[in-house]
C-alpha atoms as a PDB file:
ATOM      1  CA  SER A   1      -9.996   3.000  -9.643  1.00  0.00           C
ATOM      2  CA  PRO A   2      -9.477   6.680 -10.666  1.00  0.00           C
ATOM      3  CA  GLY A   3      -5.935   5.888 -11.597  1.00  0.00           C
ATOM      4  CA  GLY A   4      -7.053   2.904 -13.789  1.00  0.00           C
ATOM      5  CA  SER A   5      -9.647   5.147 -15.484  1.00  0.00           C
ATOM      6  CA  CYS A   6      -6.969   7.680 -16.398  1.00  0.00           C
ATOM      7  CA  TRP A   7      -4.710   5.080 -17.873  1.00  0.00           C
ATOM      8  CA  ASN A   8      -7.537   3.453 -19.879  1.00  0.00           C
ATOM      9  CA  LEU A   9      -8.575   6.892 -21.151  1.00  0.00           C
ATOM     10  CA  ALA A  10      -4.979   7.710 -22.215  1.00  0.00           C
ATOM     11  CA  TRP A  11      -4.814   4.511 -24.243  1.00  0.00           C
ATOM     12  CA  MET A  12      -8.258   5.163 -25.838  1.00  0.00           C
ATOM     13  CA  LEU A  13      -7.224   8.649 -26.779  1.00  0.00           C
ATOM     14  CA  GLN A  14      -3.987   7.405 -28.276  1.00  0.00           C
ATOM     15  CA  GLY A  15      -5.802   4.980 -30.447  1.00  0.00           C
ATOM     16  CA  TRP A  16      -8.355   7.597 -31.546  1.00  0.00           C
ATOM     17  CA  LEU A  17      -5.735  10.172 -32.435  1.00  0.00           C
ATOM     18  CA  LYS A  18      -3.224   7.944 -34.243  1.00  0.00           C
ATOM     19  CA  PRO A  19      -5.251   7.634 -37.479  1.00  0.00           C
ATOM     20  CA  ARG A  20      -5.263  11.410 -37.580  1.00  0.00           C
ATOM     21  CA  GLY A  21      -1.633  11.701 -37.373  1.00  0.00           C
ATOM     22  CA  LEU A  22      -1.623  12.677 -33.698  1.00  0.00           C
ATOM     23  CA  GLY A  23       0.140  10.816 -30.847  1.00  0.00           C
ATOM     24  CA  HIS A  24       0.629  11.938 -27.289  1.00  0.00           C
ATOM     25  CA  ARG A  25       2.845  14.791 -28.617  1.00  0.00           C
ATOM     26  CA  GLY A  26       0.376  15.744 -31.295  1.00  0.00           C
ATOM     27  CA  ALA A  27      -2.472  15.973 -28.747  1.00  0.00           C
ATOM     28  CA  ALA A  28      -0.442  18.282 -26.678  1.00  0.00           C
ATOM     29  CA  GLN A  29       0.459  20.482 -29.687  1.00  0.00           C
ATOM     30  CA  ALA A  30      -3.171  20.540 -30.838  1.00  0.00           C
ATOM     31  CA  SER A  31      -4.335  21.989 -27.499  1.00  0.00           C
ATOM     32  CA  GLY A  32      -1.206  23.857 -26.539  1.00  0.00           C
ATOM     33  CA  THR A  33      -1.060  21.873 -23.311  1.00  0.00           C
ATOM     34  CA  GLY A  34       1.718  19.296 -22.919  1.00  0.00           C
ATOM     35  CA  ILE A  35       0.216  16.832 -20.540  1.00  0.00           C
ATOM     36  CA  THR A  36       1.224  13.161 -20.578  1.00  0.00           C
ATOM     37  CA  ALA A  37       0.025   9.936 -18.896  1.00  0.00           C
ATOM     38  CA  GLY A  38       2.562   7.300 -19.975  1.00  0.00           C
ATOM     39  CA  THR A  39       5.973   6.183 -18.936  1.00  0.00           C
ATOM     40  CA  GLY A  40       9.336   6.432 -20.678  1.00  0.00           C
ATOM     41  CA  ARG A  41      12.164   8.969 -21.393  1.00  0.00           C
ATOM     42  CA  ASP A  42       9.827  11.800 -22.540  1.00  0.00           C
ATOM     43  CA  GLN A  43       8.843  12.378 -18.954  1.00  0.00           C
ATOM     44  CA  LEU A  44      12.479  12.291 -17.693  1.00  0.00           C
ATOM     45  CA  GLY A  45      14.396  14.190 -20.334  1.00  0.00           C
ATOM     46  CA  ALA A  46      17.899  13.046 -21.043  1.00  0.00           C
ATOM     47  CA  ARG A  47      18.719  11.754 -17.600  1.00  0.00           C
ATOM     48  CA  ASP A  48      20.488   8.444 -17.575  1.00  0.00           C
ATOM     49  CA  LEU A  49      18.596   5.918 -15.441  1.00  0.00           C
ATOM     50  CA  SER A  50      20.351   2.805 -16.664  1.00  0.00           C
ATOM     51  CA  THR A  51      21.374   1.809 -13.143  1.00  0.00           C
ATOM     52  CA  SER A  52      17.738   1.101 -12.225  1.00  0.00           C
ATOM     53  CA  ASP A  53      14.529   0.317 -14.055  1.00  0.00           C
ATOM     54  CA  LEU A  54      12.445   1.892 -11.271  1.00  0.00           C
ATOM     55  CA  TYR A  55      12.220   5.607 -11.570  1.00  0.00           C
ATOM     56  CA  LEU A  56      10.161   8.682 -10.622  1.00  0.00           C
ATOM     57  CA  LEU A  57       8.267  10.760 -13.110  1.00  0.00           C
ATOM     58  CA  ARG A  58       9.293  14.474 -12.957  1.00  0.00           C
ATOM     59  CA  PRO A  59       6.939  17.009 -11.272  1.00  0.00           C
ATOM     60  CA  GLY A  60       4.195  18.300 -13.558  1.00  0.00           C
ATOM     61  CA  THR A  61       3.178  14.906 -14.943  1.00  0.00           C
ATOM     62  CA  PHE A  62      -0.645  14.505 -14.948  1.00  0.00           C
ATOM     63  CA  CYS A  63      -3.189  12.083 -16.217  1.00  0.00           C
ATOM     64  CA  LEU A  64      -5.269  14.558 -18.232  1.00  0.00           C
ATOM     65  CA  VAL A  65      -5.164  14.963 -22.014  1.00  0.00           C
ATOM     66  CA  MET A  66      -6.836  17.890 -23.666  1.00  0.00           C
ATOM     67  CA  PHE A  67      -7.443  18.377 -27.359  1.00  0.00           C
ATOM     68  CA  PRO A  68     -10.111  19.771 -29.802  1.00  0.00           C
ATOM     69  CA  LEU A  69     -12.589  17.415 -31.424  1.00  0.00           C
ATOM     70  CA  ALA A  70     -14.445  18.340 -34.597  1.00  0.00           C
ATOM     71  CA  ASP A  71     -17.295  15.984 -33.781  1.00  0.00           C
ATOM     72  CA  SER A  72     -19.201  17.619 -30.927  1.00  0.00           C
ATOM     73  CA  ARG A  73     -21.139  14.462 -30.019  1.00  0.00           C
ATOM     74  CA  ARG A  74     -17.900  12.514 -29.676  1.00  0.00           C
ATOM     75  CA  PHE A  75     -16.535  15.350 -27.503  1.00  0.00           C
ATOM     76  CA  LEU A  76     -19.542  15.106 -25.152  1.00  0.00           C
ATOM     77  CA  TRP A  77     -19.134  11.329 -25.035  1.00  0.00           C
ATOM     78  CA  LEU A  78     -15.571  11.878 -23.778  1.00  0.00           C
ATOM     79  CA  LEU A  79     -16.389  14.735 -21.446  1.00  0.00           C
ATOM     80  CA  ILE A  80     -17.359  12.628 -18.447  1.00  0.00           C
ATOM     81  CA  PRO A  81     -14.299  10.444 -18.279  1.00  0.00           C
ATOM     82  CA  LEU A  82     -12.128  13.507 -18.809  1.00  0.00           C
ATOM     83  CA  LEU A  83     -13.770  15.264 -15.856  1.00  0.00           C
ATOM     84  CA  GLY A  84     -13.116  12.231 -13.783  1.00  0.00           C
ATOM     85  CA  CYS A  85      -9.462  12.547 -14.599  1.00  0.00           C
ATOM     86  CA  CYS A  86      -9.361  16.136 -13.457  1.00  0.00           C
ATOM     87  CA  LEU A  87      -9.534  14.592  -9.878  1.00  0.00           C
ATOM     88  CA  PRO A  88      -6.319  13.453  -8.234  1.00  0.00           C
ATOM     89  CA  CYS A  89      -5.231  10.124  -9.781  1.00  0.00           C
ATOM     90  CA  LEU A  90      -4.913   7.061  -7.568  1.00  0.00           C
ATOM     91  CA  ALA A  91      -1.558   5.803  -8.986  1.00  0.00           C
ATOM     92  CA  ASP A  92      -1.320   2.114  -9.504  1.00  0.00           C
ATOM     93  CA  LEU A  93       1.947   0.115  -9.694  1.00  0.00           C
ATOM     94  CA  LYS A  94       2.117  -3.624 -10.019  1.00  0.00           C
ATOM     95  CA  VAL A  95       5.451  -5.416  -9.356  1.00  0.00           C
ATOM     96  CA  LEU A  96       6.517  -9.097  -9.140  1.00  0.00           C
ATOM     97  CA  VAL A  97       8.022 -10.006  -5.808  1.00  0.00           C
ATOM     98  CA  ARG A  98       9.651 -13.202  -4.452  1.00  0.00           C
ATOM     99  CA  LEU A  99       8.155 -14.420  -1.160  1.00  0.00           C
ATOM    100  CA  GLU A 100       9.862 -16.076   1.795  1.00  0.00           C
ATOM    101  CA  ASP A 101       8.995 -19.523   0.413  1.00  0.00           C
ATOM    102  CA  GLY A 102      10.602 -18.717  -2.981  1.00  0.00           C
ATOM    103  CA  GLN A 103       7.357 -18.337  -4.826  1.00  0.00           C
ATOM    104  CA  VAL A 104       6.553 -15.273  -6.846  1.00  0.00           C
ATOM    105  CA  THR A 105       3.568 -13.065  -6.332  1.00  0.00           C
ATOM    106  CA  GLU A 106       2.292  -9.694  -7.572  1.00  0.00           C
ATOM    107  CA  GLU A 107       2.341  -6.733  -5.340  1.00  0.00           C
ATOM    108  CA  ASN A 108      -0.182  -3.996  -6.058  1.00  0.00           C
ATOM    109  CA  LEU A 109       0.818  -0.577  -4.806  1.00  0.00           C
ATOM    110  CA  GLN A 110      -1.563   2.345  -4.893  1.00  0.00           C
ATOM    111  CA  ALA A 111      -0.855   5.946  -3.798  1.00  0.00           C
ATOM    112  CA  ASP A 112      -3.210   8.857  -3.345  1.00  0.00           C
ATOM    113  CA  SER A 113      -1.099  12.007  -2.945  1.00  0.00           C
ATOM    114  CA  ASP A 114      -4.167  14.177  -2.286  1.00  0.00           C
ATOM    115  CA  LYS A 115      -5.423  12.061   0.672  1.00  0.00           C
ATOM    116  CA  ASP A 116      -1.803  11.252   1.525  1.00  0.00           C
ATOM    117  CA  PHE A 117      -1.902   7.474   1.913  1.00  0.00           C
ATOM    118  CA  ILE A 118      -0.458   4.403   0.307  1.00  0.00           C
ATOM    119  CA  THR A 119      -1.710   0.813   0.136  1.00  0.00           C
ATOM    120  CA  LEU A 120       0.234  -2.291  -0.682  1.00  0.00           C
ATOM    121  CA  GLU A 121      -1.508  -5.569  -1.371  1.00  0.00           C
ATOM    122  CA  PHE A 122      -0.442  -9.163  -2.252  1.00  0.00           C
ATOM    123  CA  ARG A 123      -1.606 -12.755  -1.951  1.00  0.00           C
ATOM    124  CA  LYS A 124       0.629 -15.315  -0.209  1.00  0.00           C
ATOM    125  CA  THR A 125       1.157 -18.824  -1.553  1.00  0.00           C
ATOM    126  CA  ASP A 126      -1.346 -20.381   0.941  1.00  0.00           C
ATOM    127  CA  GLY A 127      -4.107 -17.992  -0.320  1.00  0.00           C
ATOM    128  CA  THR A 128      -3.734 -15.410   2.501  1.00  0.00           C
ATOM    129  CA  PHE A 129      -4.455 -11.921   1.286  1.00  0.00           C
ATOM    130  CA  VAL A 130      -2.405  -9.148   2.961  1.00  0.00           C
ATOM    131  CA  THR A 131      -3.061  -5.382   2.874  1.00  0.00           C
ATOM    132  CA  TYR A 132      -0.711  -2.784   4.254  1.00  0.00           C
ATOM    133  CA  LEU A 133      -1.949   0.869   4.473  1.00  0.00           C
ATOM    134  CA  ALA A 134       0.215   3.834   5.397  1.00  0.00           C
ATOM    135  CA  ASP A 135      -1.803   6.942   6.383  1.00  0.00           C
ATOM    136  CA  PHE A 136       0.664   9.845   6.459  1.00  0.00           C
ATOM    137  CA  LYS A 137      -1.820  12.394   7.647  1.00  0.00           C
ATOM    138  CA  GLN A 138      -2.495  10.493  10.846  1.00  0.00           C
ATOM    139  CA  ASP A 139       0.952   8.755  11.174  1.00  0.00           C
ATOM    140  CA  VAL A 140      -0.933   5.394  11.406  1.00  0.00           C
ATOM    141  CA  LYS A 141      -0.323   2.098   9.562  1.00  0.00           C
ATOM    142  CA  ILE A 142      -2.768  -0.798   9.261  1.00  0.00           C
ATOM    143  CA  PHE A 143      -2.015  -4.400   8.414  1.00  0.00           C
ATOM    144  CA  ARG A 144      -5.106  -6.408   7.378  1.00  0.00           C
ATOM    145  CA  VAL A 145      -4.769 -10.245   6.890  1.00  0.00           C
ATOM    146  CA  LEU A 146      -7.485 -12.387   5.327  1.00  0.00           C
ATOM    147  CA  ILE A 147      -6.694 -15.983   6.237  1.00  0.00           C
ATOM    148  CA  LEU A 148      -8.442 -18.957   4.556  1.00  0.00           C
ATOM    149  CA  GLY A 149     -10.414 -20.878   7.265  1.00  0.00           C
ATOM    150  CA  GLU A 150     -10.238 -24.638   7.881  1.00  0.00           C
ATOM    151  CA  LEU A 151     -13.834 -25.617   7.119  1.00  0.00           C
ATOM    152  CA  GLU A 152     -13.259 -29.227   8.249  1.00  0.00           C
ATOM    153  CA  ARG A 153     -12.413 -27.865  11.689  1.00  0.00           C
ATOM    154  CA  GLY A 154     -15.419 -25.609  12.042  1.00  0.00           C
ATOM    155  CA  GLN A 155     -13.927 -22.408  10.951  1.00  0.00           C
ATOM    156  CA  SER A 156     -15.672 -19.848   8.612  1.00  0.00           C
ATOM    157  CA  GLN A 157     -14.619 -19.362   4.986  1.00  0.00           C
ATOM    158  CA  PHE A 158     -11.944 -16.843   5.990  1.00  0.00           C
ATOM    159  CA  GLN A 159     -10.710 -15.098   9.128  1.00  0.00           C
ATOM    160  CA  ALA A 160      -9.776 -11.444   9.213  1.00  0.00           C
ATOM    161  CA  LEU A 161      -7.211  -9.768  11.423  1.00  0.00           C
ATOM    162  CA  CYS A 162      -6.268  -6.037  11.734  1.00  0.00           C
ATOM    163  CA  PHE A 163      -3.241  -4.632  13.359  1.00  0.00           C
ATOM    164  CA  VAL A 164      -3.000  -0.870  13.870  1.00  0.00           C
ATOM    165  CA  THR A 165       0.077   0.953  15.088  1.00  0.00           C
ATOM    166  CA  ARG A 166       2.117   4.109  14.564  1.00  0.00           C
ATOM    167  CA  LEU A 167       3.749   4.826  11.149  1.00  0.00           C
ATOM    168  CA  GLN A 168       7.474   5.521  11.531  1.00  0.00           C
ATOM    169  CA  SER A 169       9.019   8.279   9.453  1.00  0.00           C
ATOM    170  CA  ASN A 170      11.428   6.033   7.510  1.00  0.00           C
ATOM    171  CA  GLU A 171       9.130   3.056   6.717  1.00  0.00           C
ATOM    172  CA  ILE A 172       8.039   3.885   3.261  1.00  0.00           C
ATOM    173  CA  ILE A 173       8.433   6.761   0.674  1.00  0.00           C
ATOM    174  CA  PRO A 174       5.945   9.595   0.648  1.00  0.00           C
ATOM    175  CA  SER A 175       2.689   9.237  -1.187  1.00  0.00           C
ATOM    176  CA  GLU A 176       3.643  11.961  -3.687  1.00  0.00           C
ATOM    177  CA  SER A 177       6.804  10.053  -4.731  1.00  0.00           C
ATOM    178  CA  MET A 178       4.991   6.686  -4.786  1.00  0.00           C
ATOM    179  CA  ALA A 179       2.450   8.199  -7.187  1.00  0.00           C
ATOM    180  CA  LYS A 180       5.247   9.017  -9.560  1.00  0.00           C
ATOM    181  CA  LEU A 181       7.017   5.601  -9.393  1.00  0.00           C
ATOM    182  CA  ARG A 182       7.231   3.758 -12.630  1.00  0.00           C
ATOM    183  CA  GLN A 183       9.159   0.669 -13.852  1.00  0.00           C
ATOM    184  CA  LYS A 184      10.833  -0.048 -17.170  1.00  0.00           C
ATOM    185  CA  ASN A 185      10.688  -3.833 -16.941  1.00  0.00           C
ATOM    186  CA  PRO A 186       7.343  -5.075 -15.406  1.00  0.00           C
ATOM    187  CA  HIS A 187       8.360  -8.642 -15.819  1.00  0.00           C
ATOM    188  CA  ALA A 188      11.387  -8.389 -13.498  1.00  0.00           C
ATOM    189  CA  VAL A 189      11.087 -10.223 -10.177  1.00  0.00           C
ATOM    190  CA  ARG A 190      11.949  -7.768  -7.380  1.00  0.00           C
ATOM    191  CA  GLN A 191      14.046  -8.542  -4.307  1.00  0.00           C
ATOM    192  CA  ALA A 192      14.782  -5.986  -1.588  1.00  0.00           C
ATOM    193  CA  GLU A 193      18.073  -4.210  -1.433  1.00  0.00           C
ATOM    194  CA  GLU A 194      17.994  -3.847   2.343  1.00  0.00           C
ATOM    195  CA  MET A 195      16.838  -6.345   4.953  1.00  0.00           C
ATOM    196  CA  ARG A 196      15.437  -4.585   8.010  1.00  0.00           C
ATOM    197  CA  GLY A 197      14.787  -7.610  10.256  1.00  0.00           C
ATOM    198  CA  THR A 198      11.685  -8.455  12.335  1.00  0.00           C
ATOM    199  CA  ASP A 199       9.748  -6.349  14.760  1.00  0.00           C
ATOM    200  CA  THR A 200       8.057  -8.215  17.578  1.00  0.00           C
ATOM    201  CA  LEU A 201       4.749  -6.406  18.518  1.00  0.00           C
ATOM    202  CA  GLN A 202       2.687  -7.243  21.618  1.00  0.00           C
ATOM    203  CA  MET A 203      -0.861  -6.325  20.391  1.00  0.00           C
ATOM    204  CA  ASP A 204      -2.438  -6.182  23.815  1.00  0.00           C
ATOM    205  CA  VAL A 205      -5.253  -3.687  23.251  1.00  0.00           C
ATOM    206  CA  ALA A 206      -8.497  -4.070  21.190  1.00  0.00           C
ATOM    207  CA  ILE A 207      -9.910  -1.245  19.210  1.00  0.00           C
ATOM    208  CA  ASN A 208     -13.589  -0.462  18.982  1.00  0.00           C
ATOM    209  CA  PHE A 209     -14.446  -0.584  15.175  1.00  0.00           C
ATOM    210  CA  THR A 210     -17.082   2.116  15.420  1.00  0.00           C
ATOM    211  CA  LYS A 211     -14.874   4.647  17.170  1.00  0.00           C
ATOM    212  CA  GLY A 212     -11.622   3.642  15.421  1.00  0.00           C
ATOM    213  CA  VAL A 213     -12.280   6.291  12.686  1.00  0.00           C
ATOM    214  CA  GLN A 214     -10.704   8.812  15.121  1.00  0.00           C
ATOM    215  CA  LEU A 215      -7.307   7.109  14.546  1.00  0.00           C
ATOM    216  CA  THR A 216      -7.689   6.969  10.722  1.00  0.00           C
ATOM    217  CA  PRO A 217     -10.681   7.148   8.541  1.00  0.00           C
ATOM    218  CA  HIS A 218      -9.329   4.133   6.582  1.00  0.00           C
ATOM    219  CA  ILE A 219     -10.023   1.755   9.438  1.00  0.00           C
ATOM    220  CA  HIS A 220     -13.685   1.387   8.406  1.00  0.00           C
ATOM    221  CA  ASN A 221     -12.730   0.284   4.909  1.00  0.00           C
ATOM    222  CA  ILE A 222      -9.764  -1.804   5.712  1.00  0.00           C
ATOM    223  CA  CYS A 223     -10.978  -3.533   8.881  1.00  0.00           C
ATOM    224  CA  ALA A 224     -14.692  -3.991   8.009  1.00  0.00           C
ATOM    225  CA  GLU A 225     -14.218  -7.789   7.957  1.00  0.00           C
ATOM    226  CA  ALA A 226     -12.316  -7.731  11.242  1.00  0.00           C
ATOM    227  CA  LYS A 227     -14.614  -5.792  13.576  1.00  0.00           C
ATOM    228  CA  GLU A 228     -13.968  -8.040  16.461  1.00  0.00           C
ATOM    229  CA  ALA A 229     -10.251  -8.525  15.769  1.00  0.00           C
ATOM    230  CA  ILE A 230      -8.619  -5.074  15.581  1.00  0.00           C
ATOM    231  CA  TYR A 231      -5.529  -4.895  17.731  1.00  0.00           C
ATOM    232  CA  THR A 232      -2.972  -2.309  18.745  1.00  0.00           C
ATOM    233  CA  ARG A 233      -0.269  -1.744  21.469  1.00  0.00           C
ATOM    234  CA  GLN A 234      -0.423  -0.055  24.844  1.00  0.00           C
ATOM    235  CA  GLU A 235       2.534   2.196  23.942  1.00  0.00           C
ATOM    236  CA  ASP A 236       0.692   3.419  20.869  1.00  0.00           C
ATOM    237  CA  VAL A 237      -2.479   4.065  22.999  1.00  0.00           C
ATOM    238  CA  ARG A 238      -0.518   6.155  25.403  1.00  0.00           C
ATOM    239  CA  LEU A 239       0.725   8.393  22.611  1.00  0.00           C
ATOM    240  CA  TRP A 240      -2.752   8.667  21.036  1.00  0.00           C
ATOM    241  CA  LEU A 241      -4.287   9.635  24.406  1.00  0.00           C
ATOM    242  CA  GLU A 242      -1.774  12.437  24.769  1.00  0.00           C
ATOM    243  CA  ARG A 243      -3.024  13.718  21.355  1.00  0.00           C
ATOM    244  CA  GLY A 244      -6.595  13.819  22.671  1.00  0.00           C
ATOM    245  CA  ILE A 245      -7.967  10.578  21.197  1.00  0.00           C
ATOM    246  CA  ASP A 246     -10.991   9.236  23.081  1.00  0.00           C
ATOM    247  CA  GLY A 247      -9.797   6.464  25.311  1.00  0.00           C
ATOM    248  CA  SER A 248     -13.103   4.675  25.418  1.00  0.00           C
ATOM    249  CA  MET A 249     -12.326   3.013  22.034  1.00  0.00           C
ATOM    250  CA  PHE A 250      -9.553   0.946  23.676  1.00  0.00           C
ATOM    251  CA  GLU A 251      -9.888  -2.217  25.744  1.00  0.00           C
ATOM    252  CA  VAL A 252      -6.790  -3.747  27.386  1.00  0.00           C
ATOM    253  CA  LEU A 253      -6.760  -7.521  26.725  1.00  0.00           C
ATOM    254  CA  PRO A 254      -5.688 -10.287  29.110  1.00  0.00           C
ATOM    255  CA  GLN A 255      -1.910 -10.852  29.235  1.00  0.00           C
ATOM    256  CA  PRO A 256       0.190 -14.001  29.469  1.00  0.00           C
ATOM    257  CA  SER A 257       0.811 -13.065  33.146  1.00  0.00           C
ATOM    258  CA  SER A 258      -2.941 -13.058  33.830  1.00  0.00           C
ATOM    259  CA  LEU A 259      -4.595 -15.441  36.265  1.00  0.00           C
ATOM    260  CA  PRO A 260      -5.200 -18.064  35.248  1.00  0.00           C
ATOM    261  CA  PRO A 261      -1.995 -17.931  33.062  1.00  0.00           C
ATOM    262  CA  LEU A 262      -2.373 -17.780  29.298  1.00  0.00           C
ATOM    263  CA  HIS A 263      -0.144 -20.001  27.168  1.00  0.00           C
ATOM    264  CA  PRO A 264       0.858 -19.630  23.594  1.00  0.00           C
ATOM    265  CA  CYS A 265      -1.833 -21.159  21.305  1.00  0.00           C
ATOM    266  CA  LYS A 266       0.684 -23.591  19.772  1.00  0.00           C
ATOM    267  CA  LEU A 267       1.202 -25.107  23.245  1.00  0.00           C
ATOM    268  CA  CYS A 268      -2.532 -25.208  23.973  1.00  0.00           C
ATOM    269  CA  HIS A 269      -4.234 -28.593  23.358  1.00  0.00           C
ATOM    270  CA  ARG A 270      -7.798 -27.558  23.569  1.00  0.00           C
ATOM    271  CA  ASP A 271      -9.445 -25.705  20.652  1.00  0.00           C
ATOM    272  CA  TRP A 272     -11.882 -23.853  22.870  1.00  0.00           C
ATOM    273  CA  LYS A 273      -9.359 -22.512  25.377  1.00  0.00           C
ATOM    274  CA  PRO A 274      -8.176 -18.831  25.400  1.00  0.00           C
ATOM    275  CA  CYS A 275      -4.462 -18.322  24.525  1.00  0.00           C
ATOM    276  CA  ILE A 276      -1.883 -15.996  23.067  1.00  0.00           C
ATOM    277  CA  CYS A 277      -1.806 -16.247  19.229  1.00  0.00           C
ATOM    278  CA  SER A 278       1.117 -15.357  17.051  1.00  0.00           C
ATOM    279  CA  TYR A 279       1.073 -14.303  13.429  1.00  0.00           C
ATOM    280  CA  HIS A 280       4.195 -13.719  11.323  1.00  0.00           C
ATOM    281  CA  LEU A 281       3.996 -11.340   8.402  1.00  0.00           C
ATOM    282  CA  SER A 282       6.758 -10.274   6.002  1.00  0.00           C
ATOM    283  CA  LEU A 283       6.620  -7.399   3.542  1.00  0.00           C
ATOM    284  CA  GLU A 284       9.207  -8.612   1.048  1.00  0.00           C
ATOM    285  CA  TRP A 285       9.453  -5.474  -1.153  1.00  0.00           C
ATOM    286  CA  ILE A 286       8.728  -1.958   0.084  1.00  0.00           C
ATOM    287  CA  PRO A 287       9.917   1.290  -1.559  1.00  0.00           C
ATOM    288  CA  CYS A 288      11.453   2.570   1.752  1.00  0.00           C
ATOM    289  CA  SER A 289      13.598   5.551   0.650  1.00  0.00           C
ATOM    290  CA  LEU A 290      14.400   7.788  -2.279  1.00  0.00           C
ATOM    291  CA  LYS A 291      17.582   7.714  -4.398  1.00  0.00           C
ATOM    292  CA  TYR A 292      19.169  10.865  -5.616  1.00  0.00           C
ATOM    293  CA  CYS A 293      21.126  11.420  -8.843  1.00  0.00           C
ATOM    294  CA  LYS A 294      23.382  14.312  -9.793  1.00  0.00           C
ATOM    295  CA  ASN A 295      23.158  16.598 -12.793  1.00  0.00           C
ATOM    296  CA  ARG A 296      25.265  19.309 -14.067  1.00  0.00           C
ATOM    297  CA  ASP A 297      23.473  22.381 -15.562  1.00  0.00           C
ATOM    298  CA  SER A 298      24.672  24.646 -18.372  1.00  0.00           C
ATOM    299  CA  SER A 299      26.585  26.831 -15.931  1.00  0.00           C
ATOM    300  CA  GLY A 300      28.491  23.828 -14.589  1.00  0.00           C
ATOM    301  CA  LYS A 301      26.697  23.773 -11.273  1.00  0.00           C
ATOM    302  CA  THR A 302      25.913  20.312  -9.797  1.00  0.00           C
ATOM    303  CA  THR A 303      22.421  19.715  -8.609  1.00  0.00           C
ATOM    304  CA  SER A 304      20.657  16.603  -7.228  1.00  0.00           C
ATOM    305  CA  TYR A 305      17.240  15.280  -8.104  1.00  0.00           C
ATOM    306  CA  ARG A 306      15.155  12.276  -7.119  1.00  0.00           C
ATOM    307  CA  CYS A 307      15.673   9.504  -9.677  1.00  0.00           C
ATOM    308  CA  GLY A 308      14.635   6.307  -8.003  1.00  0.00           C
ATOM    309  CA  ILE A 309      13.933   4.347  -4.926  1.00  0.00           C
ATOM    310  CA  ARG A 310      15.688   1.983  -2.474  1.00  0.00           C
ATOM    311  CA  SER A 311      13.657  -1.192  -1.611  1.00  0.00           C
ATOM    312  CA  CYS A 312      13.566  -2.834   1.830  1.00  0.00           C
ATOM    313  CA  GLN A 313      12.264  -6.108   3.400  1.00  0.00           C
ATOM    314  CA  LYS A 314      10.576  -5.855   6.736  1.00  0.00           C
ATOM    315  CA  ALA A 315       8.977  -8.551   8.874  1.00  0.00           C
ATOM    316  CA  PHE A 316       6.559  -8.374  11.791  1.00  0.00           C
ATOM    317  CA  SER A 317       5.709 -10.871  14.512  1.00  0.00           C
ATOM    318  CA  PHE A 318       2.294  -9.995  16.034  1.00  0.00           C
ATOM    319  CA  HIS A 319       1.273 -11.581  19.411  1.00  0.00           C
ATOM    320  CA  PHE A 320      -2.340 -11.097  20.623  1.00  0.00           C
ATOM    321  CA  TYR A 321      -5.058 -12.582  22.823  1.00  0.00           C
ATOM    322  CA  VAL A 322      -7.752 -14.798  21.322  1.00  0.00           C
ATOM    323  CA  THR A 323     -10.761 -16.235  23.212  1.00  0.00           C
ATOM    324  CA  GLN A 324     -10.151 -19.725  21.890  1.00  0.00           C
ATOM    325  CA  LYS A 325      -7.419 -21.586  20.082  1.00  0.00           C
ATOM    326  CA  GLN A 326      -9.959 -22.234  17.311  1.00  0.00           C
ATOM    327  CA  LEU A 327      -9.231 -18.594  16.152  1.00  0.00           C
ATOM    328  CA  CYS A 328      -5.467 -19.327  15.808  1.00  0.00           C
ATOM    329  CA  LEU A 329      -5.154 -22.697  14.047  1.00  0.00           C
ATOM    330  CA  TRP A 330      -2.188 -21.616  11.873  1.00  0.00           C
ATOM    331  CA  ASP A 331      -0.009 -21.139  15.037  1.00  0.00           C
ATOM    332  CA  GLU A 332       0.186 -24.826  15.616  1.00  0.00           C
ATOM    333  CA  GLU A 333       1.927 -25.199  12.196  1.00  0.00           C
ATOM    334  CA  THR A 334       4.767 -22.765  13.043  1.00  0.00           C
END
């Protein structure tokens, strides 16, 4: 990723410069440009962040390092990766998180402050791969779930589901803040400070994959494996229609009250019969709000600045129509 390239380049430059008596500070002095790409107190000044090992880099921290090189050939060799880092960096943060079943997994959080979106990804104990995307430009969030199939029961290697709904204002910190988030102790296992309960969502509308780009351009990347299983809610559709979104991309699905009546899949005894499927998903650790610290300047005036984040746990229970119970085998286990 662009963010990974910038980090790799920073380490490469650090190693190249050290034998010449130049570290990150020396590189900045050599060029007259103080630009850093690491973590630590240098980016935060003398602020005391001992209360939390998750903190925000101050504004003005970039991933570009500039310095003169005597060897022009070596300069040209480094020119291409440097130009790549002139682009907005896709910040990447990996944290260890404890799941509902007590097991530990790694969450990968990426933020693009230029395109204004965040992705959060992790793998559950049973092998299910979860992606959460927050698109701040369109006020849309996407959940994608890749569930390992039961081959002995005729399922494919994996089954993909996509749930698309509105992004609420207080669900997750802004992409700009996420891009600056760093941790002092990457080996710490995170647990949320605030439990936000479970939202029950009736995903009673199907979204046409081809036209879904009107909702968010990310739907083509995130939901490519779930073209026939992209769901949303009627209440979200009503809001989008008011904003001028083309209504032809939506199809209202059969409801439990339809005739003949539809039963929950876990109560359905035939694998080929339509039913209402349920899927429970929990995001165990989300940076949901910013923390502010106070500082006193030389004149004695107290000011506040962003110095960390507050983490939350949020669960979702999705209910949606499937044409056959075969597409909802996990529900009989819950």
